[in-house]
Amino acid sequence: MSILQFYILVYLRDCAIVKRESFMFIITKILAGLVLLTQICGVGLLLSLLHSRARKIIVSFFERWAILLAFCVALVATSGSLFFSTIVGYAPCELCWFQRIFMYPLVVLFGIALYKKREEIVDYTLLLAIIGLLISAYHNYIVFVASQAMSCGAGVSCITKYFVEFGYITIPMMALTAFGAIIFLLIIKKINV
């Protein structure tokens, strides 16, 4: 192999790495932006529920679209976790696996509920989302508060921050936001069914 061929191969390899890294960067930024937008909208919605006229409009809108929106949130969360683990190569920690156990079935359950136009699914999915939220809240506690003092088991450490966007958005924060949004939607649906 000549020197020229070697440099051409190195250049092509480096171009492929840059394209892969820029793709990962873009997807990470999009997901982090969605999380930030969800959190801002969530706070705005909670504050607007204090106003009686706005409450009626918000509740009627989310009561009608709660299952579809919850399906979309669960689908994006599941797709994001699969993207980070299978495409990017981030190994999930033990708590991430437990959160997946409670997020992945939500996609299937909401999908079936949408297909069959059934709304009784709220009780079951709400329980899954609450348990997932509790695990995610504990995971965020470990990451942000007790990062030096605690560990969650063998394998990948639960305090591993593969990235930090906007100063605080990590993979555990993404999961916490997704579970919180799903719970918000399901509670509105449950109250008004």
Protein backbone atom coordinates (compact mmCIF):
# COMPACT_ATOMS: atom_id res chain seq x y z
CA MET A 1 0.00 0.00 0.00
CA SER A 2 1.41 3.33 -0.96
CA ILE A 3 1.54 6.37 1.30
CA LEU A 4 -1.08 8.09 -0.86
CA GLN A 5 -3.50 5.17 -0.52
CA PHE A 6 -2.91 5.11 3.22
CA TYR A 7 -3.71 8.84 3.56
CA ILE A 8 -6.80 8.45 1.39
CA LEU A 9 -8.07 5.62 3.64
CA VAL A 10 -7.35 7.65 6.78
CA TYR A 11 -9.14 10.66 5.28
CA LEU A 12 -12.21 8.59 4.35
CA ARG A 13 -12.28 7.02 7.80
CA ASP A 14 -12.06 10.45 9.43
CA CYS A 15 -14.86 11.79 7.20
CA ALA A 16 -17.10 8.88 8.22
CA ILE A 17 -16.35 9.53 11.89
CA VAL A 18 -17.13 13.25 11.52
CA LYS A 19 -20.43 12.49 9.74
CA ARG A 20 -21.37 9.98 12.46
CA GLU A 21 -20.43 12.38 15.24
CA SER A 22 -22.29 15.30 13.65
CA PHE A 23 -25.37 13.07 13.23
CA MET A 24 -25.18 12.08 16.91
CA PHE A 25 -24.69 15.74 17.85
CA ILE A 26 -27.77 16.83 15.87
CA ILE A 27 -30.02 14.10 17.28
CA THR A 28 -28.81 14.79 20.83
CA LYS A 29 -29.52 18.51 20.39
CA ILE A 30 -32.99 17.79 18.97
CA LEU A 31 -33.90 15.46 21.84
CA ALA A 32 -32.53 17.89 24.43
CA GLY A 33 -34.50 20.71 22.79
CA LEU A 34 -37.67 18.63 22.95
CA VAL A 35 -37.04 17.98 26.63
CA LEU A 36 -36.51 21.68 27.32
CA LEU A 37 -39.64 22.58 25.33
CA THR A 38 -41.66 19.94 27.20
CA GLN A 39 -40.48 21.27 30.55
CA ILE A 40 -41.26 24.89 29.63
CA CYS A 41 -44.70 23.93 28.29
CA GLY A 42 -45.34 21.82 31.38
CA VAL A 43 -44.63 24.70 33.73
CA GLY A 44 -46.72 27.03 31.56
CA LEU A 45 -49.61 24.58 31.51
CA LEU A 46 -49.50 24.07 35.25
CA LEU A 47 -49.52 27.82 35.82
CA SER A 48 -52.33 28.37 33.34
CA LEU A 49 -54.46 25.77 35.14
CA LEU A 50 -54.77 28.34 37.93
CA HIS A 51 -56.87 30.54 35.64
CA SER A 52 -60.42 29.18 35.31
CA ARG A 53 -61.04 30.12 31.66
CA ALA A 54 -57.65 28.81 30.52
CA ARG A 55 -58.18 25.66 32.59
CA LYS A 56 -61.32 24.76 30.64
CA ILE A 57 -59.61 25.19 27.28
CA ILE A 58 -56.47 23.30 28.31
CA VAL A 59 -58.34 20.46 29.97
CA SER A 60 -60.70 19.99 27.03
CA PHE A 61 -57.79 19.94 24.56
CA PHE A 62 -55.61 17.53 26.54
CA GLU A 63 -58.55 15.36 27.54
CA ARG A 64 -59.28 14.78 23.87
CA TRP A 65 -55.66 14.21 22.75
CA ALA A 66 -54.07 12.76 25.91
CA ILE A 67 -53.62 9.18 24.67
CA LEU A 68 -52.17 10.26 21.32
CA LEU A 69 -49.79 12.75 22.94
CA ALA A 70 -48.74 10.20 25.57
CA PHE A 71 -48.10 7.70 22.76
CA CYS A 72 -45.90 10.27 20.98
CA VAL A 73 -43.94 11.03 24.17
CA ALA A 74 -43.40 7.33 24.90
CA LEU A 75 -42.43 6.66 21.28
CA VAL A 76 -39.86 9.48 21.22
CA ALA A 77 -38.47 8.39 24.61
CA THR A 78 -38.18 4.77 23.50
CA SER A 79 -36.63 5.75 20.17
CA GLY A 80 -34.20 8.06 21.95
CA SER A 81 -33.07 5.37 24.37
CA LEU A 82 -32.59 2.90 21.52
CA PHE A 83 -30.69 5.54 19.53
CA PHE A 84 -28.30 6.24 22.42
CA SER A 85 -27.66 2.57 23.18
CA THR A 86 -27.61 0.93 19.75
CA ILE A 87 -26.45 3.65 17.34
CA VAL A 88 -24.31 5.86 19.56
CA GLY A 89 -23.11 2.96 21.71
CA TYR A 90 -23.84 4.35 25.18
CA ALA A 91 -24.16 1.38 27.52
CA PRO A 92 -27.25 1.74 29.75
CA CYS A 93 -26.76 1.50 33.50
CA GLU A 94 -28.86 -0.65 35.80
CA LEU A 95 -31.36 2.13 36.56
CA CYS A 96 -31.66 2.91 32.85
CA TRP A 97 -32.70 -0.70 32.27
CA PHE A 98 -35.39 -0.43 34.95
CA GLN A 99 -36.69 2.81 33.40
CA ARG A 100 -36.84 1.08 30.02
CA ILE A 101 -38.88 -1.73 31.56
CA PHE A 102 -41.55 0.82 32.41
CA MET A 103 -41.30 3.03 29.28
CA TYR A 104 -41.21 0.48 26.44
CA PRO A 105 -44.56 -1.18 27.21
CA LEU A 106 -46.23 2.25 27.21
CA VAL A 107 -45.64 2.54 23.46
CA VAL A 108 -47.41 -0.76 22.84
CA LEU A 109 -50.25 -0.09 25.30
CA PHE A 110 -50.94 3.41 23.97
CA GLY A 111 -50.71 2.13 20.40
CA ILE A 112 -53.28 -0.57 21.10
CA ALA A 113 -55.51 1.93 22.91
CA LEU A 114 -55.38 4.28 19.93
CA TYR A 115 -56.04 1.50 17.44
CA LYS A 116 -59.00 0.08 19.38
CA LYS A 117 -60.19 3.53 20.53
CA ARG A 118 -60.16 2.35 24.14
CA GLU A 119 -59.58 4.74 27.02
CA GLU A 120 -59.62 2.28 29.93
CA ILE A 121 -55.88 1.91 29.53
CA VAL A 122 -55.27 5.04 31.62
CA ASP A 123 -55.16 3.22 34.98
CA TYR A 124 -52.59 0.65 33.85
CA THR A 125 -50.37 3.06 32.00
CA LEU A 126 -50.53 5.61 34.81
CA LEU A 127 -49.17 3.02 37.23
CA LEU A 128 -46.30 2.14 34.87
CA ALA A 129 -45.48 5.82 34.37
CA ILE A 130 -45.51 6.58 38.11
CA ILE A 131 -43.15 3.71 38.89
CA GLY A 132 -40.90 4.80 36.01
CA LEU A 133 -40.97 8.38 37.30
CA LEU A 134 -39.93 7.26 40.80
CA ILE A 135 -37.00 5.26 39.40
CA SER A 136 -36.04 8.17 37.17
CA ALA A 137 -36.25 10.65 40.06
CA TYR A 138 -33.93 8.43 42.10
CA HIS A 139 -31.57 8.16 39.13
CA ASN A 140 -31.49 11.96 38.77
CA TYR A 141 -30.86 12.26 42.52
CA ILE A 142 -27.83 9.99 42.15
CA VAL A 143 -26.56 11.89 39.10
CA PHE A 144 -26.99 15.44 40.39
CA VAL A 145 -26.95 15.28 44.21
CA ALA A 146 -25.19 12.19 45.51
CA SER A 147 -22.87 11.57 42.57
CA GLN A 148 -19.77 10.94 44.66
CA ALA A 149 -21.38 8.96 47.44
CA MET A 150 -23.55 6.41 45.66
CA SER A 151 -23.42 3.72 43.05
CA CYS A 152 -26.23 1.66 41.58
CA GLY A 153 -24.59 -1.70 40.92
CA ALA A 154 -22.16 -3.53 38.72
CA GLY A 155 -21.47 -2.56 35.12
CA VAL A 156 -21.88 0.99 33.87
CA SER A 157 -22.07 3.53 36.68
CA CYS A 158 -25.41 5.25 37.12
CA ILE A 159 -23.61 8.58 37.58
CA THR A 160 -22.14 8.45 34.07
CA LYS A 161 -23.06 11.58 32.14
CA TYR A 162 -22.60 10.84 28.46
CA PHE A 163 -23.60 14.43 27.70
CA VAL A 164 -25.01 17.48 29.43
CA GLU A 165 -27.13 19.83 27.32
CA PHE A 166 -28.35 23.27 28.45
CA GLY A 167 -26.39 22.77 31.66
CA TYR A 168 -28.61 20.04 33.14
CA ILE A 169 -30.26 17.80 30.53
CA THR A 170 -28.83 14.29 30.67
CA ILE A 171 -30.31 10.96 29.65
CA PRO A 172 -31.86 10.44 33.13
CA MET A 173 -33.37 13.96 32.94
CA MET A 174 -34.86 13.08 29.54
CA ALA A 175 -36.50 10.01 31.06
CA LEU A 176 -37.80 11.99 34.05
CA THR A 177 -39.33 14.58 31.74
CA ALA A 178 -40.96 11.92 29.54
CA PHE A 179 -42.50 10.10 32.50
CA GLY A 180 -43.67 13.42 33.98
CA ALA A 181 -45.31 14.50 30.72
CA ILE A 182 -47.07 11.14 30.38
CA ILE A 183 -48.33 11.33 33.96
CA PHE A 184 -49.61 14.89 33.40
CA LEU A 185 -51.52 13.80 30.28
CA LEU A 186 -52.96 10.69 31.93
CA ILE A 187 -54.10 12.54 35.04
CA ILE A 188 -55.99 15.07 32.92
CA LYS A 189 -57.53 12.17 30.97
CA LYS A 190 -58.43 10.26 34.14
CA ILE A 191 -60.02 13.24 35.86
CA ASN A 192 -62.24 13.94 32.87
CA VAL A 193 -63.25 10.42 31.84
